[in-house]
N, C-alpha and C. Protein backbone atom coordinates (compact mmCIF):
# COMPACT_ATOMS: atom_id res chain seq x y z
N MET A 1 39.65 -18.17 33.66
CA MET A 1 39.26 -17.88 32.28
C MET A 1 38.39 -19.00 31.75
N LYS A 2 38.81 -20.27 32.05
CA LYS A 2 38.02 -21.41 31.58
C LYS A 2 36.65 -21.41 32.24
N LEU A 3 36.61 -21.02 33.51
CA LEU A 3 35.33 -20.97 34.23
C LEU A 3 34.39 -19.95 33.59
N LYS A 4 34.98 -18.78 33.20
CA LYS A 4 34.15 -17.75 32.57
C LYS A 4 33.61 -18.23 31.23
N GLN A 5 34.44 -18.93 30.46
CA GLN A 5 34.00 -19.46 29.17
C GLN A 5 32.89 -20.48 29.35
N LYS A 6 33.05 -21.32 30.42
CA LYS A 6 32.02 -22.32 30.68
C LYS A 6 30.69 -21.65 31.06
N LEU A 7 30.79 -20.57 31.87
CA LEU A 7 29.57 -19.86 32.25
C LEU A 7 28.87 -19.24 31.05
N ILE A 8 29.68 -18.64 30.15
CA ILE A 8 29.09 -18.03 28.95
C ILE A 8 28.44 -19.09 28.07
N ALA A 9 29.12 -20.22 27.92
CA ALA A 9 28.57 -21.31 27.11
C ALA A 9 27.28 -21.84 27.71
N GLY A 10 27.25 -21.92 29.04
CA GLY A 10 26.04 -22.42 29.72
C GLY A 10 24.86 -21.48 29.54
N LEU A 11 25.14 -20.16 29.67
CA LEU A 11 24.07 -19.18 29.50
C LEU A 11 23.56 -19.18 28.06
N THR A 12 24.48 -19.33 27.10
CA THR A 12 24.06 -19.39 25.69
C THR A 12 23.17 -20.58 25.42
N ALA A 13 23.53 -21.71 26.02
CA ALA A 13 22.75 -22.93 25.84
C ALA A 13 21.36 -22.76 26.44
N ILE A 14 21.30 -22.14 27.63
CA ILE A 14 20.00 -21.92 28.28
C ILE A 14 19.13 -20.99 27.43
N SER A 15 19.75 -19.89 26.89
CA SER A 15 19.02 -18.95 26.04
C SER A 15 18.47 -19.63 24.79
N SER A 16 19.29 -20.50 24.20
CA SER A 16 18.86 -21.21 23.00
C SER A 16 17.71 -22.16 23.33
N ALA A 17 17.79 -22.78 24.48
CA ALA A 17 16.73 -23.70 24.89
C ALA A 17 15.40 -22.96 25.08
N PHE A 18 15.45 -21.77 25.70
CA PHE A 18 14.24 -20.98 25.87
C PHE A 18 13.65 -20.56 24.53
N ALA A 19 14.52 -20.21 23.57
CA ALA A 19 14.07 -19.83 22.24
C ALA A 19 13.37 -20.99 21.56
N VAL A 20 13.93 -22.17 21.69
CA VAL A 20 13.30 -23.36 21.08
C VAL A 20 11.96 -23.65 21.74
N LEU A 21 11.90 -23.53 23.07
CA LEU A 21 10.64 -23.78 23.78
C LEU A 21 9.57 -22.77 23.36
N SER A 22 9.97 -21.50 23.20
CA SER A 22 9.01 -20.47 22.78
C SER A 22 8.47 -20.77 21.40
N MET A 23 9.35 -21.20 20.50
CA MET A 23 8.94 -21.53 19.13
C MET A 23 7.99 -22.72 19.12
N CYS A 24 8.31 -23.72 19.91
CA CYS A 24 7.45 -24.91 20.01
C CYS A 24 6.09 -24.55 20.58
N SER A 25 6.09 -23.62 21.58
CA SER A 25 4.82 -23.21 22.18
C SER A 25 3.94 -22.49 21.17
N ALA A 26 4.57 -21.59 20.37
CA ALA A 26 3.82 -20.87 19.35
C ALA A 26 3.25 -21.83 18.30
N MET A 27 4.06 -22.81 17.91
CA MET A 27 3.61 -23.79 16.93
C MET A 27 2.46 -24.61 17.49
N ALA A 28 2.55 -24.95 18.80
CA ALA A 28 1.50 -25.73 19.42
C ALA A 28 0.19 -24.95 19.46
N GLU A 29 0.29 -23.64 19.77
CA GLU A 29 -0.91 -22.80 19.79
C GLU A 29 -1.55 -22.72 18.40
N ALA A 30 -0.69 -22.57 17.36
CA ALA A 30 -1.18 -22.47 15.99
C ALA A 30 -1.92 -23.76 15.58
N ASP A 31 -1.46 -24.91 16.11
CA ASP A 31 -2.10 -26.18 15.78
C ASP A 31 -3.54 -26.22 16.27
N PHE A 32 -3.87 -25.42 17.27
CA PHE A 32 -5.22 -25.44 17.83
C PHE A 32 -6.14 -24.40 17.25
N LEU A 33 -5.60 -23.54 16.32
CA LEU A 33 -6.45 -22.53 15.70
C LEU A 33 -7.45 -23.20 14.75
N PRO A 34 -8.70 -22.70 14.69
CA PRO A 34 -9.67 -23.28 13.76
C PRO A 34 -9.33 -22.94 12.32
N ASN A 35 -9.66 -23.79 11.40
CA ASN A 35 -9.45 -23.53 9.99
C ASN A 35 -10.43 -22.47 9.50
N ALA A 36 -9.95 -21.57 8.65
CA ALA A 36 -10.84 -20.57 8.04
C ALA A 36 -11.82 -21.28 7.11
N LYS A 37 -13.04 -20.77 7.07
CA LYS A 37 -14.08 -21.39 6.26
C LYS A 37 -14.27 -20.63 4.95
N PHE A 38 -14.37 -21.35 3.87
CA PHE A 38 -14.61 -20.75 2.55
C PHE A 38 -16.06 -20.30 2.47
N VAL A 39 -16.25 -19.05 2.02
CA VAL A 39 -17.59 -18.51 1.85
C VAL A 39 -17.85 -18.38 0.36
N ASN A 40 -18.81 -19.11 -0.13
CA ASN A 40 -19.07 -19.15 -1.57
C ASN A 40 -19.87 -17.95 -2.06
N ARG A 41 -20.97 -17.64 -1.39
CA ARG A 41 -21.83 -16.53 -1.82
C ARG A 41 -22.23 -15.69 -0.63
N LEU A 42 -22.09 -14.41 -0.76
CA LEU A 42 -22.52 -13.47 0.27
C LEU A 42 -23.69 -12.65 -0.25
N LYS A 43 -24.80 -12.79 0.43
CA LYS A 43 -26.02 -12.08 0.02
C LYS A 43 -26.11 -10.73 0.71
N VAL A 44 -26.40 -9.68 -0.07
CA VAL A 44 -26.56 -8.34 0.47
C VAL A 44 -28.05 -8.09 0.64
N VAL A 45 -28.45 -7.64 1.83
CA VAL A 45 -29.86 -7.30 2.09
C VAL A 45 -29.93 -5.86 2.56
N ASP A 46 -31.08 -5.22 2.30
CA ASP A 46 -31.21 -3.83 2.73
C ASP A 46 -31.87 -3.73 4.10
N ALA A 47 -32.22 -2.51 4.50
CA ALA A 47 -32.76 -2.28 5.84
C ALA A 47 -34.09 -2.98 6.06
N LYS A 48 -34.79 -3.30 4.96
CA LYS A 48 -36.09 -3.98 5.04
C LYS A 48 -35.94 -5.48 4.80
N ASN A 49 -34.71 -5.96 4.88
CA ASN A 49 -34.41 -7.38 4.67
C ASN A 49 -34.72 -7.84 3.26
N LYS A 50 -34.75 -6.92 2.31
CA LYS A 50 -34.97 -7.23 0.89
C LYS A 50 -33.62 -7.58 0.27
N THR A 51 -33.59 -8.67 -0.50
CA THR A 51 -32.34 -9.08 -1.14
C THR A 51 -31.94 -8.09 -2.21
N VAL A 52 -30.72 -7.54 -2.12
CA VAL A 52 -30.18 -6.61 -3.10
C VAL A 52 -29.44 -7.37 -4.20
N GLY A 53 -28.66 -8.35 -3.80
CA GLY A 53 -27.91 -9.17 -4.75
C GLY A 53 -26.81 -9.94 -4.05
N PHE A 54 -25.94 -10.57 -4.82
CA PHE A 54 -24.83 -11.34 -4.26
C PHE A 54 -23.52 -10.68 -4.68
N LEU A 55 -22.61 -10.59 -3.75
CA LEU A 55 -21.33 -9.94 -4.00
C LEU A 55 -20.55 -10.65 -5.11
N ALA A 56 -19.99 -9.88 -6.00
CA ALA A 56 -19.13 -10.40 -7.05
C ALA A 56 -17.80 -9.64 -6.95
N GLY A 57 -16.75 -10.35 -6.54
CA GLY A 57 -15.49 -9.67 -6.35
C GLY A 57 -15.46 -8.91 -5.05
N ASN A 58 -14.64 -7.88 -5.00
CA ASN A 58 -14.43 -7.14 -3.76
C ASN A 58 -15.45 -6.01 -3.59
N GLY A 59 -16.66 -6.40 -3.14
CA GLY A 59 -17.67 -5.41 -2.83
C GLY A 59 -18.43 -4.86 -4.00
N TRP A 60 -18.67 -5.66 -5.06
CA TRP A 60 -19.38 -5.21 -6.23
C TRP A 60 -20.65 -6.03 -6.45
N LEU A 61 -21.65 -5.40 -6.97
CA LEU A 61 -22.90 -6.05 -7.37
C LEU A 61 -23.10 -5.80 -8.87
N THR A 62 -23.63 -6.78 -9.56
CA THR A 62 -23.88 -6.63 -11.01
C THR A 62 -25.38 -6.64 -11.28
N PHE A 63 -25.85 -5.69 -12.06
CA PHE A 63 -27.26 -5.60 -12.44
C PHE A 63 -27.35 -5.50 -13.96
N LYS A 64 -28.57 -5.58 -14.47
CA LYS A 64 -28.80 -5.42 -15.90
C LYS A 64 -29.96 -4.47 -16.12
N ALA A 65 -29.76 -3.52 -17.03
CA ALA A 65 -30.80 -2.57 -17.40
C ALA A 65 -30.53 -2.09 -18.82
N ASP A 66 -31.58 -1.79 -19.55
CA ASP A 66 -31.43 -1.28 -20.92
C ASP A 66 -30.56 -2.21 -21.76
N ASN A 67 -30.72 -3.51 -21.53
CA ASN A 67 -29.97 -4.55 -22.24
C ASN A 67 -28.46 -4.48 -22.00
N SER A 68 -28.03 -3.85 -20.90
CA SER A 68 -26.61 -3.74 -20.60
C SER A 68 -26.36 -4.10 -19.14
N LEU A 69 -25.20 -4.71 -18.90
CA LEU A 69 -24.77 -4.98 -17.53
C LEU A 69 -24.08 -3.75 -16.96
N PHE A 70 -24.22 -3.56 -15.65
CA PHE A 70 -23.47 -2.49 -14.99
C PHE A 70 -23.14 -2.92 -13.56
N ASN A 71 -22.01 -2.42 -13.08
CA ASN A 71 -21.57 -2.71 -11.71
C ASN A 71 -21.75 -1.50 -10.82
N VAL A 72 -22.08 -1.78 -9.56
CA VAL A 72 -22.06 -0.74 -8.54
C VAL A 72 -21.35 -1.31 -7.33
N SER A 73 -20.63 -0.48 -6.62
CA SER A 73 -20.00 -0.93 -5.39
C SER A 73 -21.02 -0.80 -4.26
N VAL A 74 -20.82 -1.60 -3.22
CA VAL A 74 -21.76 -1.61 -2.11
C VAL A 74 -21.01 -1.71 -0.79
N ASP A 75 -21.52 -1.00 0.22
CA ASP A 75 -21.02 -1.15 1.57
C ASP A 75 -22.20 -0.97 2.51
N LYS A 76 -21.94 -0.88 3.78
CA LYS A 76 -23.04 -0.76 4.75
C LYS A 76 -23.89 0.48 4.53
N LYS A 77 -23.26 1.55 4.00
CA LYS A 77 -23.98 2.83 3.85
C LYS A 77 -24.89 2.87 2.63
N GLY A 78 -24.58 2.06 1.59
CA GLY A 78 -25.43 2.11 0.40
C GLY A 78 -24.73 1.66 -0.85
N LEU A 79 -25.34 2.03 -2.00
CA LEU A 79 -24.81 1.70 -3.32
C LEU A 79 -24.10 2.90 -3.90
N HIS A 80 -23.04 2.65 -4.69
CA HIS A 80 -22.21 3.74 -5.20
C HIS A 80 -21.89 3.48 -6.67
N GLY A 81 -22.17 4.47 -7.52
CA GLY A 81 -21.86 4.32 -8.95
C GLY A 81 -20.45 4.73 -9.27
N GLY A 82 -20.05 4.53 -10.51
CA GLY A 82 -18.69 4.84 -10.92
C GLY A 82 -18.52 6.26 -11.41
N SER A 83 -19.57 7.06 -11.42
CA SER A 83 -19.47 8.43 -11.91
C SER A 83 -20.39 9.33 -11.12
N SER A 84 -20.07 10.61 -11.12
CA SER A 84 -20.99 11.61 -10.57
C SER A 84 -21.81 12.18 -11.72
N LEU A 85 -22.83 12.93 -11.39
CA LEU A 85 -23.70 13.56 -12.38
C LEU A 85 -23.43 15.08 -12.37
N TYR A 86 -23.52 15.68 -13.56
CA TYR A 86 -23.26 17.10 -13.72
C TYR A 86 -24.46 17.79 -14.35
N PHE A 87 -24.72 19.01 -13.89
CA PHE A 87 -25.90 19.74 -14.31
C PHE A 87 -25.56 21.19 -14.62
N LYS A 88 -26.38 21.81 -15.47
CA LYS A 88 -26.18 23.23 -15.81
C LYS A 88 -26.92 24.16 -14.88
N THR A 89 -27.89 23.65 -14.15
CA THR A 89 -28.65 24.48 -13.23
C THR A 89 -28.11 24.32 -11.82
N ASP A 90 -28.36 25.34 -10.98
CA ASP A 90 -27.80 25.34 -9.63
C ASP A 90 -28.59 24.49 -8.66
N ASP A 91 -29.68 23.86 -9.13
CA ASP A 91 -30.42 22.97 -8.23
C ASP A 91 -30.33 21.50 -8.71
N CYS A 92 -29.56 21.27 -9.79
CA CYS A 92 -29.33 19.92 -10.30
C CYS A 92 -30.64 19.20 -10.65
N THR A 93 -31.53 19.91 -11.34
CA THR A 93 -32.81 19.29 -11.71
C THR A 93 -32.97 19.17 -13.22
N ASP A 94 -32.02 19.69 -14.01
CA ASP A 94 -32.16 19.64 -15.46
C ASP A 94 -31.53 18.34 -15.99
N THR A 95 -31.22 18.31 -17.26
CA THR A 95 -30.63 17.10 -17.88
C THR A 95 -29.29 16.77 -17.22
N PRO A 96 -29.12 15.56 -16.74
CA PRO A 96 -27.84 15.18 -16.13
C PRO A 96 -26.81 14.82 -17.19
N PHE A 97 -25.54 15.07 -16.90
CA PHE A 97 -24.44 14.69 -17.77
C PHE A 97 -23.51 13.74 -17.01
N ILE A 98 -22.90 12.83 -17.78
CA ILE A 98 -21.98 11.86 -17.20
C ILE A 98 -20.61 12.07 -17.82
N GLY A 99 -19.55 12.07 -17.01
CA GLY A 99 -18.20 12.32 -17.48
C GLY A 99 -17.64 11.20 -18.32
N GLN A 100 -16.71 11.56 -19.23
CA GLN A 100 -16.05 10.62 -20.11
C GLN A 100 -14.64 10.27 -19.64
N ILE A 101 -14.36 10.46 -18.35
CA ILE A 101 -13.01 10.29 -17.87
C ILE A 101 -12.52 8.86 -17.87
N ALA A 102 -13.42 7.89 -17.72
CA ALA A 102 -13.02 6.49 -17.60
C ALA A 102 -12.77 5.89 -18.97
N LEU A 103 -11.53 5.54 -19.26
CA LEU A 103 -11.21 4.91 -20.52
C LEU A 103 -11.77 3.49 -20.57
N GLY A 104 -12.19 3.06 -21.74
CA GLY A 104 -12.73 1.72 -21.85
C GLY A 104 -14.24 1.70 -21.80
N PHE A 105 -14.86 2.88 -21.53
CA PHE A 105 -16.32 2.94 -21.48
C PHE A 105 -16.89 3.74 -22.65
N GLU A 106 -16.05 4.06 -23.63
CA GLU A 106 -16.55 4.81 -24.78
C GLU A 106 -17.48 3.93 -25.62
N GLU A 107 -18.33 4.58 -26.40
CA GLU A 107 -19.21 3.83 -27.29
C GLU A 107 -18.38 2.99 -28.25
N GLY A 108 -18.76 1.73 -28.39
CA GLY A 108 -18.05 0.84 -29.30
C GLY A 108 -16.74 0.31 -28.74
N SER A 109 -16.47 0.50 -27.45
CA SER A 109 -15.21 0.05 -26.86
C SER A 109 -15.15 -1.46 -26.68
N GLY A 110 -16.31 -2.12 -26.71
CA GLY A 110 -16.34 -3.56 -26.51
C GLY A 110 -16.39 -3.98 -25.05
N ALA A 111 -16.53 -3.01 -24.14
CA ALA A 111 -16.61 -3.33 -22.72
C ALA A 111 -17.88 -4.13 -22.42
N PHE A 112 -17.75 -5.08 -21.52
CA PHE A 112 -18.92 -5.89 -21.12
C PHE A 112 -19.92 -5.07 -20.31
N TYR A 113 -19.43 -4.05 -19.60
CA TYR A 113 -20.27 -3.31 -18.67
C TYR A 113 -20.44 -1.85 -19.11
N GLU A 114 -21.61 -1.32 -18.84
CA GLU A 114 -21.88 0.09 -19.05
C GLU A 114 -21.48 0.85 -17.78
N ARG A 115 -20.99 2.05 -17.96
CA ARG A 115 -20.65 2.87 -16.82
C ARG A 115 -21.90 3.55 -16.28
N ALA A 116 -22.20 3.32 -15.01
CA ALA A 116 -23.44 3.81 -14.41
C ALA A 116 -23.17 4.93 -13.41
N ALA A 117 -24.10 5.85 -13.36
CA ALA A 117 -24.11 6.89 -12.33
C ALA A 117 -25.41 6.69 -11.51
N LEU A 118 -25.32 6.83 -10.22
CA LEU A 118 -26.49 6.66 -9.37
C LEU A 118 -26.85 7.96 -8.69
N ARG A 119 -28.16 8.13 -8.49
CA ARG A 119 -28.63 9.26 -7.71
C ARG A 119 -29.60 8.76 -6.67
N LYS A 120 -29.31 9.07 -5.41
CA LYS A 120 -30.18 8.64 -4.30
C LYS A 120 -31.45 9.47 -4.34
N GLU A 121 -32.58 8.80 -4.48
CA GLU A 121 -33.87 9.48 -4.55
C GLU A 121 -34.89 8.68 -3.77
N GLY A 122 -35.44 9.32 -2.74
CA GLY A 122 -36.46 8.64 -1.94
C GLY A 122 -35.90 7.41 -1.25
N ALA A 123 -36.60 6.29 -1.43
CA ALA A 123 -36.20 5.05 -0.78
C ALA A 123 -35.34 4.18 -1.67
N GLY A 124 -34.73 4.76 -2.69
CA GLY A 124 -33.92 3.95 -3.59
C GLY A 124 -32.97 4.80 -4.40
N TYR A 125 -32.57 4.28 -5.55
CA TYR A 125 -31.60 4.94 -6.42
C TYR A 125 -32.10 4.94 -7.86
N THR A 126 -31.80 6.02 -8.58
CA THR A 126 -32.06 6.06 -10.02
C THR A 126 -30.74 5.82 -10.73
N VAL A 127 -30.79 4.97 -11.75
CA VAL A 127 -29.58 4.60 -12.50
C VAL A 127 -29.55 5.35 -13.82
N TYR A 128 -28.39 5.94 -14.15
CA TYR A 128 -28.22 6.68 -15.40
C TYR A 128 -27.09 6.06 -16.22
N PHE A 129 -27.31 5.96 -17.53
CA PHE A 129 -26.29 5.58 -18.51
C PHE A 129 -26.04 6.79 -19.40
N GLN A 130 -24.89 6.77 -20.09
CA GLN A 130 -24.64 7.78 -21.11
C GLN A 130 -25.58 7.57 -22.29
N ASP A 131 -26.10 8.64 -22.84
CA ASP A 131 -26.96 8.57 -24.01
C ASP A 131 -26.12 8.84 -25.25
N TYR A 132 -25.74 7.77 -25.94
CA TYR A 132 -24.84 7.90 -27.10
C TYR A 132 -25.52 8.52 -28.32
N GLN A 133 -26.83 8.73 -28.23
CA GLN A 133 -27.54 9.38 -29.34
C GLN A 133 -27.38 10.89 -29.29
N LEU A 134 -26.87 11.41 -28.20
CA LEU A 134 -26.71 12.86 -28.03
C LEU A 134 -25.23 13.24 -28.04
N PRO A 135 -24.91 14.45 -28.49
CA PRO A 135 -23.50 14.86 -28.60
C PRO A 135 -22.86 15.16 -27.25
N GLU A 136 -21.54 15.12 -27.24
CA GLU A 136 -20.79 15.47 -26.05
C GLU A 136 -20.75 16.98 -25.85
N GLU A 137 -20.48 17.38 -24.64
CA GLU A 137 -20.27 18.80 -24.34
C GLU A 137 -19.02 18.91 -23.45
N THR A 138 -18.42 20.08 -23.46
CA THR A 138 -17.25 20.31 -22.62
C THR A 138 -17.67 20.87 -21.28
N LEU A 139 -17.15 20.24 -20.23
CA LEU A 139 -17.47 20.71 -18.88
C LEU A 139 -16.86 22.08 -18.65
N SER A 140 -17.62 22.98 -18.07
CA SER A 140 -17.11 24.31 -17.74
C SER A 140 -17.44 24.61 -16.29
N GLU A 141 -16.91 25.74 -15.81
CA GLU A 141 -17.12 26.07 -14.39
C GLU A 141 -18.54 26.48 -14.10
N SER A 142 -19.37 26.59 -15.13
CA SER A 142 -20.78 26.92 -14.88
C SER A 142 -21.58 25.67 -14.49
N PHE A 143 -20.97 24.49 -14.61
CA PHE A 143 -21.65 23.28 -14.24
C PHE A 143 -21.66 23.07 -12.72
N HIS A 144 -22.71 22.37 -12.28
CA HIS A 144 -22.78 21.93 -10.89
C HIS A 144 -22.67 20.40 -10.88
N SER A 145 -22.19 19.88 -9.77
CA SER A 145 -22.02 18.44 -9.68
C SER A 145 -22.84 17.87 -8.54
N TYR A 146 -23.54 16.79 -8.88
CA TYR A 146 -24.23 16.02 -7.84
C TYR A 146 -23.32 14.82 -7.56
N ILE A 147 -22.56 14.89 -6.50
CA ILE A 147 -21.55 13.89 -6.21
C ILE A 147 -22.16 12.73 -5.45
N THR A 148 -21.99 11.55 -5.98
CA THR A 148 -22.45 10.36 -5.29
C THR A 148 -21.32 9.84 -4.41
N ASP A 149 -21.64 9.07 -3.38
CA ASP A 149 -20.62 8.41 -2.58
C ASP A 149 -19.84 7.49 -3.50
N GLY A 150 -18.54 7.70 -3.60
CA GLY A 150 -17.71 6.86 -4.43
C GLY A 150 -17.69 7.30 -5.88
N GLY A 151 -18.44 8.34 -6.26
CA GLY A 151 -18.46 8.82 -7.61
C GLY A 151 -17.17 9.55 -7.97
N LEU A 152 -16.79 9.48 -9.25
CA LEU A 152 -15.57 10.15 -9.69
C LEU A 152 -15.87 11.59 -10.05
N ILE A 153 -15.00 12.50 -9.67
CA ILE A 153 -15.16 13.89 -10.02
C ILE A 153 -13.88 14.36 -10.72
N PRO A 154 -13.97 15.23 -11.71
CA PRO A 154 -12.82 15.63 -12.48
C PRO A 154 -11.97 16.71 -11.85
N GLY A 155 -12.46 17.40 -10.90
CA GLY A 155 -11.72 18.51 -10.34
C GLY A 155 -12.31 18.95 -9.02
N PRO A 156 -11.75 20.01 -8.42
CA PRO A 156 -12.23 20.46 -7.12
C PRO A 156 -13.62 21.07 -7.16
N ILE A 157 -14.26 21.03 -6.05
CA ILE A 157 -15.60 21.61 -5.88
C ILE A 157 -15.45 22.88 -5.06
N SER A 158 -16.30 23.84 -5.31
CA SER A 158 -16.29 25.05 -4.48
C SER A 158 -16.80 24.70 -3.08
N GLY A 159 -15.93 24.70 -2.11
CA GLY A 159 -16.32 24.31 -0.77
C GLY A 159 -16.08 22.83 -0.52
N ASP A 160 -16.56 22.33 0.59
CA ASP A 160 -16.38 20.95 0.95
C ASP A 160 -17.24 20.03 0.08
N VAL A 161 -16.71 18.85 -0.20
CA VAL A 161 -17.43 17.88 -0.99
C VAL A 161 -18.45 17.16 -0.10
N THR A 162 -19.71 17.27 -0.46
CA THR A 162 -20.77 16.62 0.31
C THR A 162 -21.58 15.74 -0.61
N PRO A 163 -21.43 14.42 -0.51
CA PRO A 163 -22.22 13.52 -1.38
C PRO A 163 -23.71 13.77 -1.23
N GLY A 164 -24.38 13.74 -2.37
CA GLY A 164 -25.83 13.91 -2.36
C GLY A 164 -26.30 15.33 -2.40
N GLU A 165 -25.38 16.30 -2.58
CA GLU A 165 -25.76 17.70 -2.67
C GLU A 165 -25.29 18.31 -3.98
N CYS A 166 -26.04 19.30 -4.45
CA CYS A 166 -25.71 20.00 -5.71
C CYS A 166 -24.70 21.09 -5.40
N GLN A 167 -23.51 21.03 -6.04
CA GLN A 167 -22.45 21.95 -5.72
C GLN A 167 -21.79 22.49 -6.98
N LEU A 168 -21.34 23.75 -6.93
CA LEU A 168 -20.71 24.38 -8.08
C LEU A 168 -19.29 23.88 -8.24
N LEU A 169 -18.93 23.56 -9.48
CA LEU A 169 -17.57 23.11 -9.78
C LEU A 169 -16.60 24.29 -9.81
N ASP A 170 -15.40 24.05 -9.35
CA ASP A 170 -14.33 25.02 -9.46
C ASP A 170 -13.28 24.43 -10.40
N THR A 171 -13.27 24.86 -11.65
CA THR A 171 -12.39 24.25 -12.65
C THR A 171 -11.09 25.06 -12.84
N SER A 172 -10.86 26.07 -12.06
CA SER A 172 -9.75 26.98 -12.32
C SER A 172 -8.37 26.34 -12.15
N ASN A 173 -8.24 25.40 -11.22
CA ASN A 173 -6.92 24.84 -10.94
C ASN A 173 -6.79 23.37 -11.33
N SER A 174 -7.75 22.86 -12.10
CA SER A 174 -7.68 21.45 -12.44
C SER A 174 -6.85 21.21 -13.69
N GLU A 175 -6.02 20.16 -13.65
CA GLU A 175 -5.20 19.79 -14.80
C GLU A 175 -5.92 18.81 -15.71
N MET A 176 -7.16 18.44 -15.35
CA MET A 176 -7.86 17.42 -16.10
C MET A 176 -8.82 17.99 -17.14
N PHE A 177 -8.86 19.27 -17.29
CA PHE A 177 -9.73 19.90 -18.27
C PHE A 177 -8.96 20.18 -19.56
N PRO A 178 -9.56 20.15 -20.75
CA PRO A 178 -11.01 20.01 -20.96
C PRO A 178 -11.50 18.61 -20.63
N PHE A 179 -12.68 18.56 -20.07
CA PHE A 179 -13.28 17.32 -19.63
C PHE A 179 -14.61 17.17 -20.34
N MET A 180 -14.79 16.05 -21.05
CA MET A 180 -15.97 15.87 -21.87
C MET A 180 -17.09 15.17 -21.10
N LEU A 181 -18.31 15.65 -21.34
CA LEU A 181 -19.50 15.07 -20.72
C LEU A 181 -20.45 14.62 -21.84
N ARG A 182 -21.26 13.63 -21.52
CA ARG A 182 -22.31 13.21 -22.44
C ARG A 182 -23.63 13.18 -21.64
N PRO A 183 -24.73 13.67 -22.23
CA PRO A 183 -26.00 13.62 -21.52
C PRO A 183 -26.33 12.20 -21.07
N GLY A 184 -26.93 12.11 -19.91
CA GLY A 184 -27.32 10.81 -19.37
C GLY A 184 -28.80 10.56 -19.55
N LYS A 185 -29.17 9.31 -19.41
CA LYS A 185 -30.58 8.93 -19.49
C LYS A 185 -30.91 7.98 -18.35
N GLN A 186 -32.10 8.09 -17.81
CA GLN A 186 -32.56 7.19 -16.78
C GLN A 186 -32.86 5.83 -17.38
N VAL A 187 -32.33 4.79 -16.78
CA VAL A 187 -32.56 3.45 -17.33
C VAL A 187 -33.21 2.50 -16.33
N ALA A 188 -33.12 2.77 -15.03
CA ALA A 188 -33.68 1.83 -14.07
C ALA A 188 -33.74 2.44 -12.69
N LYS A 189 -34.44 1.74 -11.83
CA LYS A 189 -34.49 2.06 -10.40
C LYS A 189 -33.88 0.91 -9.62
N LEU A 190 -33.23 1.23 -8.54
CA LEU A 190 -32.76 0.23 -7.58
C LEU A 190 -33.49 0.53 -6.27
N PRO A 191 -34.59 -0.15 -6.02
CA PRO A 191 -35.47 0.20 -4.89
C PRO A 191 -35.02 -0.38 -3.57
N TYR A 192 -33.83 -0.01 -3.15
CA TYR A 192 -33.28 -0.57 -1.91
C TYR A 192 -32.94 0.52 -0.92
N THR A 193 -33.16 0.21 0.37
CA THR A 193 -33.01 1.19 1.43
C THR A 193 -31.81 0.84 2.30
N PRO A 194 -30.79 1.70 2.36
CA PRO A 194 -29.69 1.44 3.31
C PRO A 194 -30.13 1.70 4.75
N PRO A 195 -29.39 1.20 5.70
CA PRO A 195 -28.09 0.52 5.59
C PRO A 195 -28.24 -0.92 5.14
N PHE A 196 -27.14 -1.44 4.56
CA PHE A 196 -27.11 -2.80 4.05
C PHE A 196 -26.31 -3.70 4.98
N SER A 197 -26.56 -4.99 4.86
CA SER A 197 -25.83 -5.98 5.64
C SER A 197 -25.66 -7.24 4.83
N LEU A 198 -24.84 -8.16 5.32
CA LEU A 198 -24.58 -9.43 4.63
C LEU A 198 -25.22 -10.58 5.36
N LYS A 199 -25.65 -11.55 4.58
CA LYS A 199 -26.22 -12.76 5.15
C LYS A 199 -25.60 -13.97 4.46
């Protein structure tokens, strides 16, 4: 019995020793890892090596137009606004409307940034702001949506959602209606060609 206890104690000691050695080995390997380097500014360039801007926060760029600041998100594929555009015609060529779903972007809200919608056109993007000089309208199922990559939509679309295409809204099953829109106005161009990269 004493011999068995001694054997168990010996095996336990050996197991503990291996555990300590493994821990020491892992710590030794960690000591040889290089230190991570702080990156102060990341420059975004387009396909033509033109500087788009410098990242602010987690994948955002800040621009100024019409005396207002606005943010757009950016990734390798392109620039993305915070809203989609809505139209009354089935080819999305008439007056664009921008949704009022985002709280904090109403006129007189005191927000530092204007809510922007982008439309990919040619070798760049057209930027739209809400036109506060014009009245709001209620979104109906007769509207079509030009969905941008990353743009917010209030409800389902008839068929698959395809960014950059004019599609009929299906408002029948959405709990987010009535949904208010305000006419948009063109305020600037962003003449940059994706894909984008960092330098």
